Amino acid sequence: MHNAIEQAKTAAAAILGRDEPFRQVPWFWSDQYNIKLQTAGVNEGYDDVIIRGDPASASFAAFYLRAGKLLAVDAINRPREFMASKTLIAERAEVDPTQLADESLPLTALAAAVKAPTRATSPTSL
């Protein structure tokens, strides 16, 4: 349903003469017993994978990057990382791999900094 709503918004903009490309990030989720898998983006052509969290704990995220830009995420029981990653992927954000791996730095802060480029993005402003 989400996809249909977003495509309708793009179609309405085109009818009104606004050239707004469809820029939704493809995403998917599935619940399997006590595991929630959420994936966003397309992980083709990546050259680096960053893991945040411990896969043995069944709570982690795998981030796929190409030339420093976030292409996709596979999140296991990490809904905040999934939601923030959708923003980073949509903005074609270049992300420091050490920040992706650092669990003390909320990804929501990185996503907010990308959405508001006029704000300072130093660690103290995050």
PDB file of N, CA and C in Angstrom:
ATOM      1  N   MET A   1       0.811  -1.188   0.000  1.00  0.00           N
ATOM      2  CA  MET A   1       0.000   0.000   0.000  1.00  0.00           C
ATOM      3  C   MET A   1       0.864   1.264   0.000  1.00  0.00           C
ATOM      4  N   HIS A   2       1.953   1.237   0.770  1.00  0.00           N
ATOM      5  CA  HIS A   2       2.831   2.404   0.824  1.00  0.00           C
ATOM      6  C   HIS A   2       3.332   2.769  -0.570  1.00  0.00           C
ATOM      7  N   ASN A   3       3.755   1.766  -1.326  1.00  0.00           N
ATOM      8  CA  ASN A   3       4.266   2.005  -2.671  1.00  0.00           C
ATOM      9  C   ASN A   3       3.195   2.646  -3.548  1.00  0.00           C
ATOM     10  N   ALA A   4       1.956   2.176  -3.461  1.00  0.00           N
ATOM     11  CA  ALA A   4       0.866   2.743  -4.263  1.00  0.00           C
ATOM     12  C   ALA A   4       0.622   4.214  -3.910  1.00  0.00           C
ATOM     13  N   ILE A   5       0.678   4.535  -2.635  1.00  0.00           N
ATOM     14  CA  ILE A   5       0.481   5.928  -2.205  1.00  0.00           C
ATOM     15  C   ILE A   5       1.594   6.815  -2.745  1.00  0.00           C
ATOM     16  N   GLU A   6       2.836   6.357  -2.631  1.00  0.00           N
ATOM     17  CA  GLU A   6       3.960   7.172  -3.096  1.00  0.00           C
ATOM     18  C   GLU A   6       3.946   7.341  -4.616  1.00  0.00           C
ATOM     19  N   GLN A   7       3.573   6.298  -5.343  1.00  0.00           N
ATOM     20  CA  GLN A   7       3.479   6.432  -6.801  1.00  0.00           C
ATOM     21  C   GLN A   7       2.348   7.385  -7.181  1.00  0.00           C
ATOM     22  N   ALA A   8       1.253   7.355  -6.433  1.00  0.00           N
ATOM     23  CA  ALA A   8       0.148   8.280  -6.697  1.00  0.00           C
ATOM     24  C   ALA A   8       0.586   9.728  -6.480  1.00  0.00           C
ATOM     25  N   LYS A   9       1.385   9.983  -5.454  1.00  0.00           N
ATOM     26  CA  LYS A   9       1.898  11.341  -5.220  1.00  0.00           C
ATOM     27  C   LYS A   9       2.760  11.801  -6.388  1.00  0.00           C
ATOM     28  N   THR A  10       3.599  10.920  -6.902  1.00  0.00           N
ATOM     29  CA  THR A  10       4.461  11.256  -8.033  1.00  0.00           C
ATOM     30  C   THR A  10       3.620  11.520  -9.274  1.00  0.00           C
ATOM     31  N   ALA A  11       2.601  10.689  -9.498  1.00  0.00           N
ATOM     32  CA  ALA A  11       1.716  10.885 -10.657  1.00  0.00           C
ATOM     33  C   ALA A  11       0.960  12.213 -10.540  1.00  0.00           C
ATOM     34  N   ALA A  12       0.461  12.528  -9.359  1.00  0.00           N
ATOM     35  CA  ALA A  12      -0.261  13.790  -9.161  1.00  0.00           C
ATOM     36  C   ALA A  12       0.655  14.985  -9.412  1.00  0.00           C
ATOM     37  N   ALA A  13       1.894  14.898  -8.955  1.00  0.00           N
ATOM     38  CA  ALA A  13       2.846  15.986  -9.195  1.00  0.00           C
ATOM     39  C   ALA A  13       3.080  16.166 -10.691  1.00  0.00           C
ATOM     40  N   ALA A  14       3.186  15.071 -11.425  1.00  0.00           N
ATOM     41  CA  ALA A  14       3.395  15.150 -12.872  1.00  0.00           C
ATOM     42  C   ALA A  14       2.185  15.783 -13.564  1.00  0.00           C
ATOM     43  N   ILE A  15       1.000  15.421 -13.142  1.00  0.00           N
ATOM     44  CA  ILE A  15      -0.222  16.000 -13.711  1.00  0.00           C
ATOM     45  C   ILE A  15      -0.267  17.507 -13.473  1.00  0.00           C
ATOM     46  N   LEU A  16       0.246  17.935 -12.333  1.00  0.00           N
ATOM     47  CA  LEU A  16       0.270  19.361 -11.983  1.00  0.00           C
ATOM     48  C   LEU A  16       1.459  20.100 -12.590  1.00  0.00           C
ATOM     49  N   GLY A  17       2.267  19.380 -13.375  1.00  0.00           N
ATOM     50  CA  GLY A  17       3.381  20.015 -14.063  1.00  0.00           C
ATOM     51  C   GLY A  17       4.656  20.124 -13.259  1.00  0.00           C
ATOM     52  N   ARG A  18       4.712  19.457 -12.113  1.00  0.00           N
ATOM     53  CA  ARG A  18       5.938  19.468 -11.303  1.00  0.00           C
ATOM     54  C   ARG A  18       6.762  18.247 -11.647  1.00  0.00           C
ATOM     55  N   ASP A  19       8.005  18.475 -11.999  1.00  0.00           N
ATOM     56  CA  ASP A  19       8.890  17.377 -12.368  1.00  0.00           C
ATOM     57  C   ASP A  19       9.555  16.828 -11.111  1.00  0.00           C
ATOM     58  N   GLU A  20       8.900  15.870 -10.473  1.00  0.00           N
ATOM     59  CA  GLU A  20       9.417  15.252  -9.257  1.00  0.00           C
ATOM     60  C   GLU A  20       9.607  13.760  -9.521  1.00  0.00           C
ATOM     61  N   PRO A  21      10.842  13.325  -9.661  1.00  0.00           N
ATOM     62  CA  PRO A  21      11.064  11.900  -9.954  1.00  0.00           C
ATOM     63  C   PRO A  21      10.656  11.014  -8.778  1.00  0.00           C
ATOM     64  N   PHE A  22      10.282   9.810  -9.082  1.00  0.00           N
ATOM     65  CA  PHE A  22       9.951   8.816  -8.063  1.00  0.00           C
ATOM     66  C   PHE A  22      11.252   8.356  -7.431  1.00  0.00           C
ATOM     67  N   ARG A  23      11.448   8.669  -6.145  1.00  0.00           N
ATOM     68  CA  ARG A  23      12.727   8.391  -5.491  1.00  0.00           C
ATOM     69  C   ARG A  23      12.575   7.511  -4.255  1.00  0.00           C
ATOM     70  N   GLN A  24      11.565   6.717  -4.225  1.00  0.00           N
ATOM     71  CA  GLN A  24      11.383   5.853  -3.064  1.00  0.00           C
ATOM     72  C   GLN A  24      12.449   4.758  -3.032  1.00  0.00           C
ATOM     73  N   VAL A  25      12.917   4.473  -1.847  1.00  0.00           N
ATOM     74  CA  VAL A  25      13.889   3.405  -1.647  1.00  0.00           C
ATOM     75  C   VAL A  25      13.114   2.085  -1.551  1.00  0.00           C
ATOM     76  N   PRO A  26      13.491   1.081  -2.348  1.00  0.00           N
ATOM     77  CA  PRO A  26      12.801  -0.207  -2.211  1.00  0.00           C
ATOM     78  C   PRO A  26      13.085  -0.810  -0.833  1.00  0.00           C
ATOM     79  N   TRP A  27      12.068  -1.375  -0.238  1.00  0.00           N
ATOM     80  CA  TRP A  27      12.245  -1.973   1.086  1.00  0.00           C
ATOM     81  C   TRP A  27      11.337  -3.179   1.248  1.00  0.00           C
ATOM     82  N   PHE A  28      11.655  -3.977   2.250  1.00  0.00           N
ATOM     83  CA  PHE A  28      10.959  -5.228   2.503  1.00  0.00           C
ATOM     84  C   PHE A  28      11.096  -5.557   3.975  1.00  0.00           C
ATOM     85  N   TRP A  29      10.101  -6.244   4.516  1.00  0.00           N
ATOM     86  CA  TRP A  29      10.224  -6.742   5.889  1.00  0.00           C
ATOM     87  C   TRP A  29       9.548  -8.094   6.004  1.00  0.00           C
ATOM     88  N   SER A  30       9.976  -8.848   6.980  1.00  0.00           N
ATOM     89  CA  SER A  30       9.366 -10.143   7.266  1.00  0.00           C
ATOM     90  C   SER A  30       9.598 -10.474   8.739  1.00  0.00           C
ATOM     91  N   ASP A  31       8.567 -11.000   9.369  1.00  0.00           N
ATOM     92  CA  ASP A  31       8.689 -11.495  10.740  1.00  0.00           C
ATOM     93  C   ASP A  31       8.757 -13.014  10.686  1.00  0.00           C
ATOM     94  N   GLN A  32       9.812 -13.566  11.263  1.00  0.00           N
ATOM     95  CA  GLN A  32      10.008 -15.017  11.327  1.00  0.00           C
ATOM     96  C   GLN A  32      10.244 -15.391  12.790  1.00  0.00           C
ATOM     97  N   TYR A  33       9.182 -15.824  13.458  1.00  0.00           N
ATOM     98  CA  TYR A  33       9.240 -16.145  14.885  1.00  0.00           C
ATOM     99  C   TYR A  33       9.721 -14.916  15.649  1.00  0.00           C
ATOM    100  N   ASN A  34      10.866 -14.967  16.311  1.00  0.00           N
ATOM    101  CA  ASN A  34      11.330 -13.816  17.094  1.00  0.00           C
ATOM    102  C   ASN A  34      12.313 -12.932  16.307  1.00  0.00           C
ATOM    103  N   ILE A  35      12.367 -13.092  15.009  1.00  0.00           N
ATOM    104  CA  ILE A  35      13.280 -12.328  14.151  1.00  0.00           C
ATOM    105  C   ILE A  35      12.464 -11.395  13.262  1.00  0.00           C
ATOM    106  N   LYS A  36      12.817 -10.131  13.275  1.00  0.00           N
ATOM    107  CA  LYS A  36      12.243  -9.176  12.331  1.00  0.00           C
ATOM    108  C   LYS A  36      13.362  -8.782  11.368  1.00  0.00           C
ATOM    109  N   LEU A  37      13.180  -9.186  10.118  1.00  0.00           N
ATOM    110  CA  LEU A  37      14.118  -8.823   9.060  1.00  0.00           C
ATOM    111  C   LEU A  37      13.544  -7.626   8.320  1.00  0.00           C
ATOM    112  N   GLN A  38      14.331  -6.570   8.205  1.00  0.00           N
ATOM    113  CA  GLN A  38      13.953  -5.404   7.413  1.00  0.00           C
ATOM    114  C   GLN A  38      15.122  -5.076   6.499  1.00  0.00           C
ATOM    115  N   THR A  39      14.827  -4.887   5.238  1.00  0.00           N
ATOM    116  CA  THR A  39      15.877  -4.578   4.280  1.00  0.00           C
ATOM    117  C   THR A  39      15.445  -3.386   3.449  1.00  0.00           C
ATOM    118  N   ALA A  40      16.398  -2.547   3.100  1.00  0.00           N
ATOM    119  CA  ALA A  40      16.118  -1.370   2.276  1.00  0.00           C
ATOM    120  C   ALA A  40      17.263  -1.186   1.297  1.00  0.00           C
ATOM    121  N   GLY A  41      16.919  -0.674   0.121  1.00  0.00           N
ATOM    122  CA  GLY A  41      17.927  -0.442  -0.900  1.00  0.00           C
ATOM    123  C   GLY A  41      18.222  -1.701  -1.686  1.00  0.00           C
ATOM    124  N   VAL A  42      19.214  -1.588  -2.552  1.00  0.00           N
ATOM    125  CA  VAL A  42      19.646  -2.708  -3.384  1.00  0.00           C
ATOM    126  C   VAL A  42      21.142  -2.884  -3.168  1.00  0.00           C
ATOM    127  N   ASN A  43      21.546  -4.076  -2.740  1.00  0.00           N
ATOM    128  CA  ASN A  43      22.952  -4.272  -2.370  1.00  0.00           C
ATOM    129  C   ASN A  43      23.816  -4.776  -3.517  1.00  0.00           C
ATOM    130  N   GLU A  44      23.458  -4.477  -4.740  1.00  0.00           N
ATOM    131  CA  GLU A  44      24.297  -4.861  -5.878  1.00  0.00           C
ATOM    132  C   GLU A  44      25.447  -3.882  -6.046  1.00  0.00           C
ATOM    133  N   GLY A  45      26.627  -4.415  -6.313  1.00  0.00           N
ATOM    134  CA  GLY A  45      27.781  -3.573  -6.608  1.00  0.00           C
ATOM    135  C   GLY A  45      28.458  -2.964  -5.394  1.00  0.00           C
ATOM    136  N   TYR A  46      28.180  -3.471  -4.209  1.00  0.00           N
ATOM    137  CA  TYR A  46      28.816  -2.901  -3.015  1.00  0.00           C
ATOM    138  C   TYR A  46      30.286  -3.294  -2.961  1.00  0.00           C
ATOM    139  N   ASP A  47      31.078  -2.454  -2.304  1.00  0.00           N
ATOM    140  CA  ASP A  47      32.492  -2.768  -2.135  1.00  0.00           C
ATOM    141  C   ASP A  47      32.905  -2.832  -0.665  1.00  0.00           C
ATOM    142  N   ASP A  48      31.933  -2.640   0.238  1.00  0.00           N
ATOM    143  CA  ASP A  48      32.232  -2.702   1.663  1.00  0.00           C
ATOM    144  C   ASP A  48      30.954  -3.088   2.408  1.00  0.00           C
ATOM    145  N   VAL A  49      31.102  -3.885   3.451  1.00  0.00           N
ATOM    146  CA  VAL A  49      29.990  -4.240   4.323  1.00  0.00           C
ATOM    147  C   VAL A  49      30.401  -3.899   5.749  1.00  0.00           C
ATOM    148  N   ILE A  50      29.566  -3.132   6.424  1.00  0.00           N
ATOM    149  CA  ILE A  50      29.814  -2.753   7.809  1.00  0.00           C
ATOM    150  C   ILE A  50      28.744  -3.398   8.673  1.00  0.00           C
ATOM    151  N   ILE A  51      29.168  -4.050   9.745  1.00  0.00           N
ATOM    152  CA  ILE A  51      28.236  -4.694  10.669  1.00  0.00           C
ATOM    153  C   ILE A  51      28.144  -3.837  11.925  1.00  0.00           C
ATOM    154  N   ARG A  52      26.911  -3.577  12.331  1.00  0.00           N
ATOM    155  CA  ARG A  52      26.642  -2.839  13.580  1.00  0.00           C
ATOM    156  C   ARG A  52      25.889  -3.810  14.485  1.00  0.00           C
ATOM    157  N   GLY A  53      26.446  -4.078  15.644  1.00  0.00           N
ATOM    158  CA  GLY A  53      25.845  -5.054  16.543  1.00  0.00           C
ATOM    159  C   GLY A  53      26.513  -6.407  16.377  1.00  0.00           C
ATOM    160  N   ASP A  54      25.977  -7.387  17.085  1.00  0.00           N
ATOM    161  CA  ASP A  54      26.568  -8.724  17.099  1.00  0.00           C
ATOM    162  C   ASP A  54      25.610  -9.713  16.449  1.00  0.00           C
ATOM    163  N   PRO A  55      25.974 -10.271  15.290  1.00  0.00           N
ATOM    164  CA  PRO A  55      25.089 -11.241  14.640  1.00  0.00           C
ATOM    165  C   PRO A  55      24.701 -12.420  15.545  1.00  0.00           C
ATOM    166  N   ALA A  56      25.563 -12.814  16.462  1.00  0.00           N
ATOM    167  CA  ALA A  56      25.254 -13.924  17.362  1.00  0.00           C
ATOM    168  C   ALA A  56      24.111 -13.579  18.316  1.00  0.00           C
ATOM    169  N   SER A  57      23.857 -12.284  18.525  1.00  0.00           N
ATOM    170  CA  SER A  57      22.795 -11.866  19.443  1.00  0.00           C
ATOM    171  C   SER A  57      21.441 -11.740  18.757  1.00  0.00           C
ATOM    172  N   ALA A  58      21.395 -11.939  17.447  1.00  0.00           N
ATOM    173  CA  ALA A  58      20.163 -11.779  16.654  1.00  0.00           C
ATOM    174  C   ALA A  58      19.641 -10.349  16.715  1.00  0.00           C
ATOM    175  N   SER A  59      20.553  -9.391  16.843  1.00  0.00           N
ATOM    176  CA  SER A  59      20.211  -7.970  16.789  1.00  0.00           C
ATOM    177  C   SER A  59      21.401  -7.243  16.184  1.00  0.00           C
ATOM    178  N   PHE A  60      21.318  -7.004  14.864  1.00  0.00           N
ATOM    179  CA  PHE A  60      22.427  -6.362  14.169  1.00  0.00           C
ATOM    180  C   PHE A  60      21.931  -5.797  12.851  1.00  0.00           C
ATOM    181  N   ALA A  61      22.790  -5.015  12.227  1.00  0.00           N
ATOM    182  CA  ALA A  61      22.496  -4.478  10.896  1.00  0.00           C
ATOM    183  C   ALA A  61      23.743  -4.615  10.042  1.00  0.00           C
ATOM    184  N   ALA A  62      23.533  -4.964   8.790  1.00  0.00           N
ATOM    185  CA  ALA A  62      24.620  -5.030   7.805  1.00  0.00           C
ATOM    186  C   ALA A  62      24.386  -3.905   6.798  1.00  0.00           C
ATOM    187  N   PHE A  63      25.370  -3.037   6.675  1.00  0.00           N
ATOM    188  CA  PHE A  63      25.286  -1.890   5.772  1.00  0.00           C
ATOM    189  C   PHE A  63      26.173  -2.142   4.561  1.00  0.00           C
ATOM    190  N   TYR A  64      25.628  -1.932   3.383  1.00  0.00           N
ATOM    191  CA  TYR A  64      26.336  -2.162   2.133  1.00  0.00           C
ATOM    192  C   TYR A  64      26.680  -0.817   1.514  1.00  0.00           C
ATOM    193  N   LEU A  65      27.982  -0.582   1.275  1.00  0.00           N
ATOM    194  CA  LEU A  65      28.433   0.687   0.726  1.00  0.00           C
ATOM    195  C   LEU A  65      29.160   0.479  -0.593  1.00  0.00           C
ATOM    196  N   ARG A  66      29.109   1.500  -1.426  1.00  0.00           N
ATOM    197  CA  ARG A  66      29.924   1.556  -2.643  1.00  0.00           C
ATOM    198  C   ARG A  66      30.526   2.945  -2.690  1.00  0.00           C
ATOM    199  N   ALA A  67      31.851   2.980  -2.713  1.00  0.00           N
ATOM    200  CA  ALA A  67      32.592   4.247  -2.737  1.00  0.00           C
ATOM    201  C   ALA A  67      32.124   5.175  -1.622  1.00  0.00           C
ATOM    202  N   GLY A  68      31.858   4.594  -0.440  1.00  0.00           N
ATOM    203  CA  GLY A  68      31.487   5.385   0.724  1.00  0.00           C
ATOM    204  C   GLY A  68      30.019   5.756   0.824  1.00  0.00           C
ATOM    205  N   LYS A  69      29.221   5.455  -0.196  1.00  0.00           N
ATOM    206  CA  LYS A  69      27.787   5.784  -0.163  1.00  0.00           C
ATOM    207  C   LYS A  69      26.984   4.557   0.244  1.00  0.00           C
ATOM    208  N   LEU A  70      26.010   4.798   1.103  1.00  0.00           N
ATOM    209  CA  LEU A  70      25.175   3.706   1.584  1.00  0.00           C
ATOM    210  C   LEU A  70      24.197   3.284   0.504  1.00  0.00           C
ATOM    211  N   LEU A  71      24.279   2.007   0.097  1.00  0.00           N
ATOM    212  CA  LEU A  71      23.389   1.442  -0.922  1.00  0.00           C
ATOM    213  C   LEU A  71      22.200   0.715  -0.319  1.00  0.00           C
ATOM    214  N   ALA A  72      22.456  -0.032   0.763  1.00  0.00           N
ATOM    215  CA  ALA A  72      21.420  -0.909   1.297  1.00  0.00           C
ATOM    216  C   ALA A  72      21.727  -1.280   2.741  1.00  0.00           C
ATOM    217  N   VAL A  73      20.702  -1.806   3.401  1.00  0.00           N
ATOM    218  CA  VAL A  73      20.845  -2.303   4.764  1.00  0.00           C
ATOM    219  C   VAL A  73      19.996  -3.554   4.918  1.00  0.00           C
ATOM    220  N   ASP A  74      20.518  -4.508   5.679  1.00  0.00           N
ATOM    221  CA  ASP A  74      19.748  -5.644   6.167  1.00  0.00           C
ATOM    222  C   ASP A  74      19.762  -5.517   7.681  1.00  0.00           C
ATOM    223  N   ALA A  75      18.599  -5.317   8.270  1.00  0.00           N
ATOM    224  CA  ALA A  75      18.508  -5.119   9.715  1.00  0.00           C
ATOM    225  C   ALA A  75      17.747  -6.273  10.347  1.00  0.00           C
ATOM    226  N   ILE A  76      18.346  -6.854  11.361  1.00  0.00           N
ATOM    227  CA  ILE A  76      17.723  -7.938  12.119  1.00  0.00           C
ATOM    228  C   ILE A  76      17.422  -7.384  13.510  1.00  0.00           C
ATOM    229  N   ASN A  77      16.132  -7.254  13.798  1.00  0.00           N
ATOM    230  CA  ASN A  77      15.677  -6.727  15.094  1.00  0.00           C
ATOM    231  C   ASN A  77      16.295  -5.363  15.403  1.00  0.00           C
ATOM    232  N   ARG A  78      16.436  -4.525  14.395  1.00  0.00           N
ATOM    233  CA  ARG A  78      16.994  -3.177  14.538  1.00  0.00           C
ATOM    234  C   ARG A  78      16.133  -2.171  13.760  1.00  0.00           C
ATOM    235  N   PRO A  79      14.901  -1.928  14.191  1.00  0.00           N
ATOM    236  CA  PRO A  79      14.020  -1.037  13.428  1.00  0.00           C
ATOM    237  C   PRO A  79      14.525   0.401  13.323  1.00  0.00           C
ATOM    238  N   ARG A  80      15.204   0.921  14.333  1.00  0.00           N
ATOM    239  CA  ARG A  80      15.712   2.297  14.248  1.00  0.00           C
ATOM    240  C   ARG A  80      16.779   2.426  13.170  1.00  0.00           C
ATOM    241  N   GLU A  81      17.673   1.446  13.111  1.00  0.00           N
ATOM    242  CA  GLU A  81      18.705   1.470  12.083  1.00  0.00           C
ATOM    243  C   GLU A  81      18.073   1.365  10.689  1.00  0.00           C
ATOM    244  N   PHE A  82      17.043   0.534  10.574  1.00  0.00           N
ATOM    245  CA  PHE A  82      16.346   0.378   9.297  1.00  0.00           C
ATOM    246  C   PHE A  82      15.740   1.710   8.855  1.00  0.00           C
ATOM    247  N   MET A  83      15.000   2.373   9.728  1.00  0.00           N
ATOM    248  CA  MET A  83      14.334   3.626   9.362  1.00  0.00           C
ATOM    249  C   MET A  83      15.354   4.714   9.022  1.00  0.00           C
ATOM    250  N   ALA A  84      16.398   4.853   9.821  1.00  0.00           N
ATOM    251  CA  ALA A  84      17.420   5.862   9.543  1.00  0.00           C
ATOM    252  C   ALA A  84      18.142   5.558   8.239  1.00  0.00           C
ATOM    253  N   SER A  85      18.388   4.283   7.987  1.00  0.00           N
ATOM    254  CA  SER A  85      19.080   3.892   6.758  1.00  0.00           C
ATOM    255  C   SER A  85      18.267   4.227   5.521  1.00  0.00           C
ATOM    256  N   LYS A  86      16.945   4.093   5.596  1.00  0.00           N
ATOM    257  CA  LYS A  86      16.105   4.453   4.448  1.00  0.00           C
ATOM    258  C   LYS A  86      16.339   5.910   4.058  1.00  0.00           C
ATOM    259  N   THR A  87      16.454   6.781   5.038  1.00  0.00           N
ATOM    260  CA  THR A  87      16.729   8.195   4.764  1.00  0.00           C
ATOM    261  C   THR A  87      18.111   8.369   4.157  1.00  0.00           C
ATOM    262  N   LEU A  88      19.102   7.724   4.741  1.00  0.00           N
ATOM    263  CA  LEU A  88      20.474   7.846   4.233  1.00  0.00           C
ATOM    264  C   LEU A  88      20.590   7.319   2.806  1.00  0.00           C
ATOM    265  N   ILE A  89      19.895   6.217   2.515  1.00  0.00           N
ATOM    266  CA  ILE A  89      19.932   5.652   1.165  1.00  0.00           C
ATOM    267  C   ILE A  89      19.237   6.590   0.188  1.00  0.00           C
ATOM    268  N   ALA A  90      18.075   7.111   0.567  1.00  0.00           N
ATOM    269  CA  ALA A  90      17.321   8.015  -0.315  1.00  0.00           C
ATOM    270  C   ALA A  90      18.117   9.274  -0.648  1.00  0.00           C
ATOM    271  N   GLU A  91      18.890   9.758   0.305  1.00  0.00           N
ATOM    272  CA  GLU A  91      19.683  10.968   0.108  1.00  0.00           C
ATOM    273  C   GLU A  91      21.033  10.677  -0.544  1.00  0.00           C
ATOM    274  N   ARG A  92      21.264   9.404  -0.859  1.00  0.00           N
ATOM    275  CA  ARG A  92      22.543   8.974  -1.442  1.00  0.00           C
ATOM    276  C   ARG A  92      23.719   9.473  -0.589  1.00  0.00           C
ATOM    277  N   ALA A  93      23.566   9.284   0.694  1.00  0.00           N
ATOM    278  CA  ALA A  93      24.510   9.833   1.668  1.00  0.00           C
ATOM    279  C   ALA A  93      25.837   9.081   1.673  1.00  0.00           C
ATOM    280  N   GLU A  94      26.889   9.853   1.786  1.00  0.00           N
ATOM    281  CA  GLU A  94      28.216   9.300   2.026  1.00  0.00           C
ATOM    282  C   GLU A  94      28.375   9.233   3.534  1.00  0.00           C
ATOM    283  N   VAL A  95      28.652   8.032   4.040  1.00  0.00           N
ATOM    284  CA  VAL A  95      28.673   7.810   5.480  1.00  0.00           C
ATOM    285  C   VAL A  95      30.014   7.229   5.890  1.00  0.00           C
ATOM    286  N   ASP A  96      30.550   7.736   6.976  1.00  0.00           N
ATOM    287  CA  ASP A  96      31.806   7.235   7.521  1.00  0.00           C
ATOM    288  C   ASP A  96      31.560   5.832   8.089  1.00  0.00           C
ATOM    289  N   PRO A  97      32.265   4.821   7.587  1.00  0.00           N
ATOM    290  CA  PRO A  97      32.055   3.450   8.077  1.00  0.00           C
ATOM    291  C   PRO A  97      32.232   3.306   9.588  1.00  0.00           C
ATOM    292  N   THR A  98      33.133   4.071  10.182  1.00  0.00           N
ATOM    293  CA  THR A  98      33.320   3.959  11.637  1.00  0.00           C
ATOM    294  C   THR A  98      32.082   4.461  12.377  1.00  0.00           C
ATOM    295  N   GLN A  99      31.382   5.448  11.814  1.00  0.00           N
ATOM    296  CA  GLN A  99      30.153   5.926  12.443  1.00  0.00           C
ATOM    297  C   GLN A  99      29.036   4.896  12.305  1.00  0.00           C
ATOM    298  N   LEU A 100      28.990   4.219  11.158  1.00  0.00           N
ATOM    299  CA  LEU A 100      27.985   3.167  10.984  1.00  0.00           C
ATOM    300  C   LEU A 100      28.178   2.048  11.996  1.00  0.00           C
ATOM    301  N   ALA A 101      29.409   1.698  12.271  1.00  0.00           N
ATOM    302  CA  ALA A 101      29.700   0.597  13.190  1.00  0.00           C
ATOM    303  C   ALA A 101      29.566   0.991  14.659  1.00  0.00           C
ATOM    304  N   ASP A 102      29.648   2.279  14.965  1.00  0.00           N
ATOM    305  CA  ASP A 102      29.655   2.772  16.343  1.00  0.00           C
ATOM    306  C   ASP A 102      28.239   2.821  16.920  1.00  0.00           C
ATOM    307  N   GLU A 103      27.928   1.860  17.782  1.00  0.00           N
ATOM    308  CA  GLU A 103      26.588   1.787  18.363  1.00  0.00           C
ATOM    309  C   GLU A 103      26.293   2.912  19.344  1.00  0.00           C
ATOM    310  N   SER A 104      27.304   3.639  19.790  1.00  0.00           N
ATOM    311  CA  SER A 104      27.052   4.757  20.691  1.00  0.00           C
ATOM    312  C   SER A 104      26.540   5.989  19.929  1.00  0.00           C
ATOM    313  N   LEU A 105      26.655   5.976  18.614  1.00  0.00           N
ATOM    314  CA  LEU A 105      26.178   7.075  17.780  1.00  0.00           C
ATOM    315  C   LEU A 105      24.865   6.667  17.119  1.00  0.00           C
ATOM    316  N   PRO A 106      23.759   7.296  17.510  1.00  0.00           N
ATOM    317  CA  PRO A 106      22.480   6.920  16.907  1.00  0.00           C
ATOM    318  C   PRO A 106      22.437   7.248  15.413  1.00  0.00           C
ATOM    319  N   LEU A 107      22.024   6.287  14.606  1.00  0.00           N
ATOM    320  CA  LEU A 107      21.914   6.537  13.167  1.00  0.00           C
ATOM    321  C   LEU A 107      20.861   7.592  12.863  1.00  0.00           C
ATOM    322  N   THR A 108      19.902   7.749  13.761  1.00  0.00           N
ATOM    323  CA  THR A 108      18.890   8.785  13.547  1.00  0.00           C
ATOM    324  C   THR A 108      19.541  10.167  13.502  1.00  0.00           C
ATOM    325  N   ALA A 109      20.608  10.369  14.253  1.00  0.00           N
ATOM    326  CA  ALA A 109      21.326  11.646  14.228  1.00  0.00           C
ATOM    327  C   ALA A 109      22.029  11.843  12.891  1.00  0.00           C
ATOM    328  N   LEU A 110      22.618  10.771  12.349  1.00  0.00           N
ATOM    329  CA  LEU A 110      23.252  10.869  11.036  1.00  0.00           C
ATOM    330  C   LEU A 110      22.214  11.183   9.958  1.00  0.00           C
ATOM    331  N   ALA A 111      21.068  10.513  10.028  1.00  0.00           N
ATOM    332  CA  ALA A 111      20.010  10.740   9.041  1.00  0.00           C
ATOM    333  C   ALA A 111      19.472  12.162   9.144  1.00  0.00           C
ATOM    334  N   ALA A 112      19.302  12.668  10.362  1.00  0.00           N
ATOM    335  CA  ALA A 112      18.810  14.037  10.544  1.00  0.00           C
ATOM    336  C   ALA A 112      19.811  15.044   9.994  1.00  0.00           C
ATOM    337  N   ALA A 113      21.098  14.777  10.178  1.00  0.00           N
ATOM    338  CA  ALA A 113      22.134  15.685   9.667  1.00  0.00           C
ATOM    339  C   ALA A 113      22.129  15.714   8.144  1.00  0.00           C
ATOM    340  N   VAL A 114      21.862  14.580   7.523  1.00  0.00           N
ATOM    341  CA  VAL A 114      21.813  14.507   6.060  1.00  0.00           C
ATOM    342  C   VAL A 114      20.598  15.256   5.537  1.00  0.00           C
ATOM    343  N   LYS A 115      19.473  15.155   6.235  1.00  0.00           N
ATOM    344  CA  LYS A 115      18.239  15.813   5.803  1.00  0.00           C
ATOM    345  C   LYS A 115      18.306  17.320   6.013  1.00  0.00           C
ATOM    346  N   ALA A 116      19.177  17.786   6.911  1.00  0.00           N
ATOM    347  CA  ALA A 116      19.308  19.212   7.189  1.00  0.00           C
ATOM    348  C   ALA A 116      20.750  19.644   6.959  1.00  0.00           C
ATOM    349  N   PRO A 117      21.187  19.733   5.684  1.00  0.00           N
ATOM    350  CA  PRO A 117      22.603  19.978   5.406  1.00  0.00           C
ATOM    351  C   PRO A 117      23.103  21.338   5.870  1.00  0.00           C
ATOM    352  N   THR A 118      22.231  22.274   6.169  1.00  0.00           N
ATOM    353  CA  THR A 118      22.697  23.581   6.623  1.00  0.00           C
ATOM    354  C   THR A 118      23.124  23.560   8.081  1.00  0.00           C
ATOM    355  N   ARG A 119      22.684  22.537   8.834  1.00  0.00           N
ATOM    356  CA  ARG A 119      23.104  22.405  10.215  1.00  0.00           C
ATOM    357  C   ARG A 119      24.527  21.909  10.273  1.00  0.00           C
ATOM    358  N   ALA A 120      25.210  22.248  11.332  1.00  0.00           N
ATOM    359  CA  ALA A 120      26.553  21.702  11.533  1.00  0.00           C
ATOM    360  C   ALA A 120      26.412  20.208  11.776  1.00  0.00           C
ATOM    361  N   THR A 121      27.380  19.451  11.298  1.00  0.00           N
ATOM    362  CA  THR A 121      27.304  18.000  11.458  1.00  0.00           C
ATOM    363  C   THR A 121      28.484  17.461  12.262  1.00  0.00           C
ATOM    364  N   SER A 122      29.031  18.287  13.108  1.00  0.00           N
ATOM    365  CA  SER A 122      30.117  17.802  13.954  1.00  0.00           C
ATOM    366  C   SER A 122      29.516  16.869  15.007  1.00  0.00           C
ATOM    367  N   PRO A 123      30.325  15.999  15.602  1.00  0.00           N
ATOM    368  CA  PRO A 123      29.812  15.073  16.596  1.00  0.00           C
ATOM    369  C   PRO A 123      29.097  15.786  17.743  1.00  0.00           C
ATOM    370  N   THR A 124      29.507  17.005  18.089  1.00  0.00           N
ATOM    371  CA  THR A 124      28.853  17.706  19.178  1.00  0.00           C
ATOM    372  C   THR A 124      27.461  18.191  18.799  1.00  0.00           C
ATOM    373  N   SER A 125      27.202  18.379  17.507  1.00  0.00           N
ATOM    374  CA  SER A 125      25.876  18.839  17.088  1.00  0.00           C
ATOM    375  C   SER A 125      24.929  17.674  16.872  1.00  0.00           C
ATOM    376  N   LEU A 126      25.473  16.447  16.816  1.00  0.00           N
ATOM    377  CA  LEU A 126      24.624  15.268  16.613  1.00  0.00           C
ATOM    378  C   LEU A 126      24.042  14.888  17.923  1.00  0.00           C
TER     379      LEU A 126
END
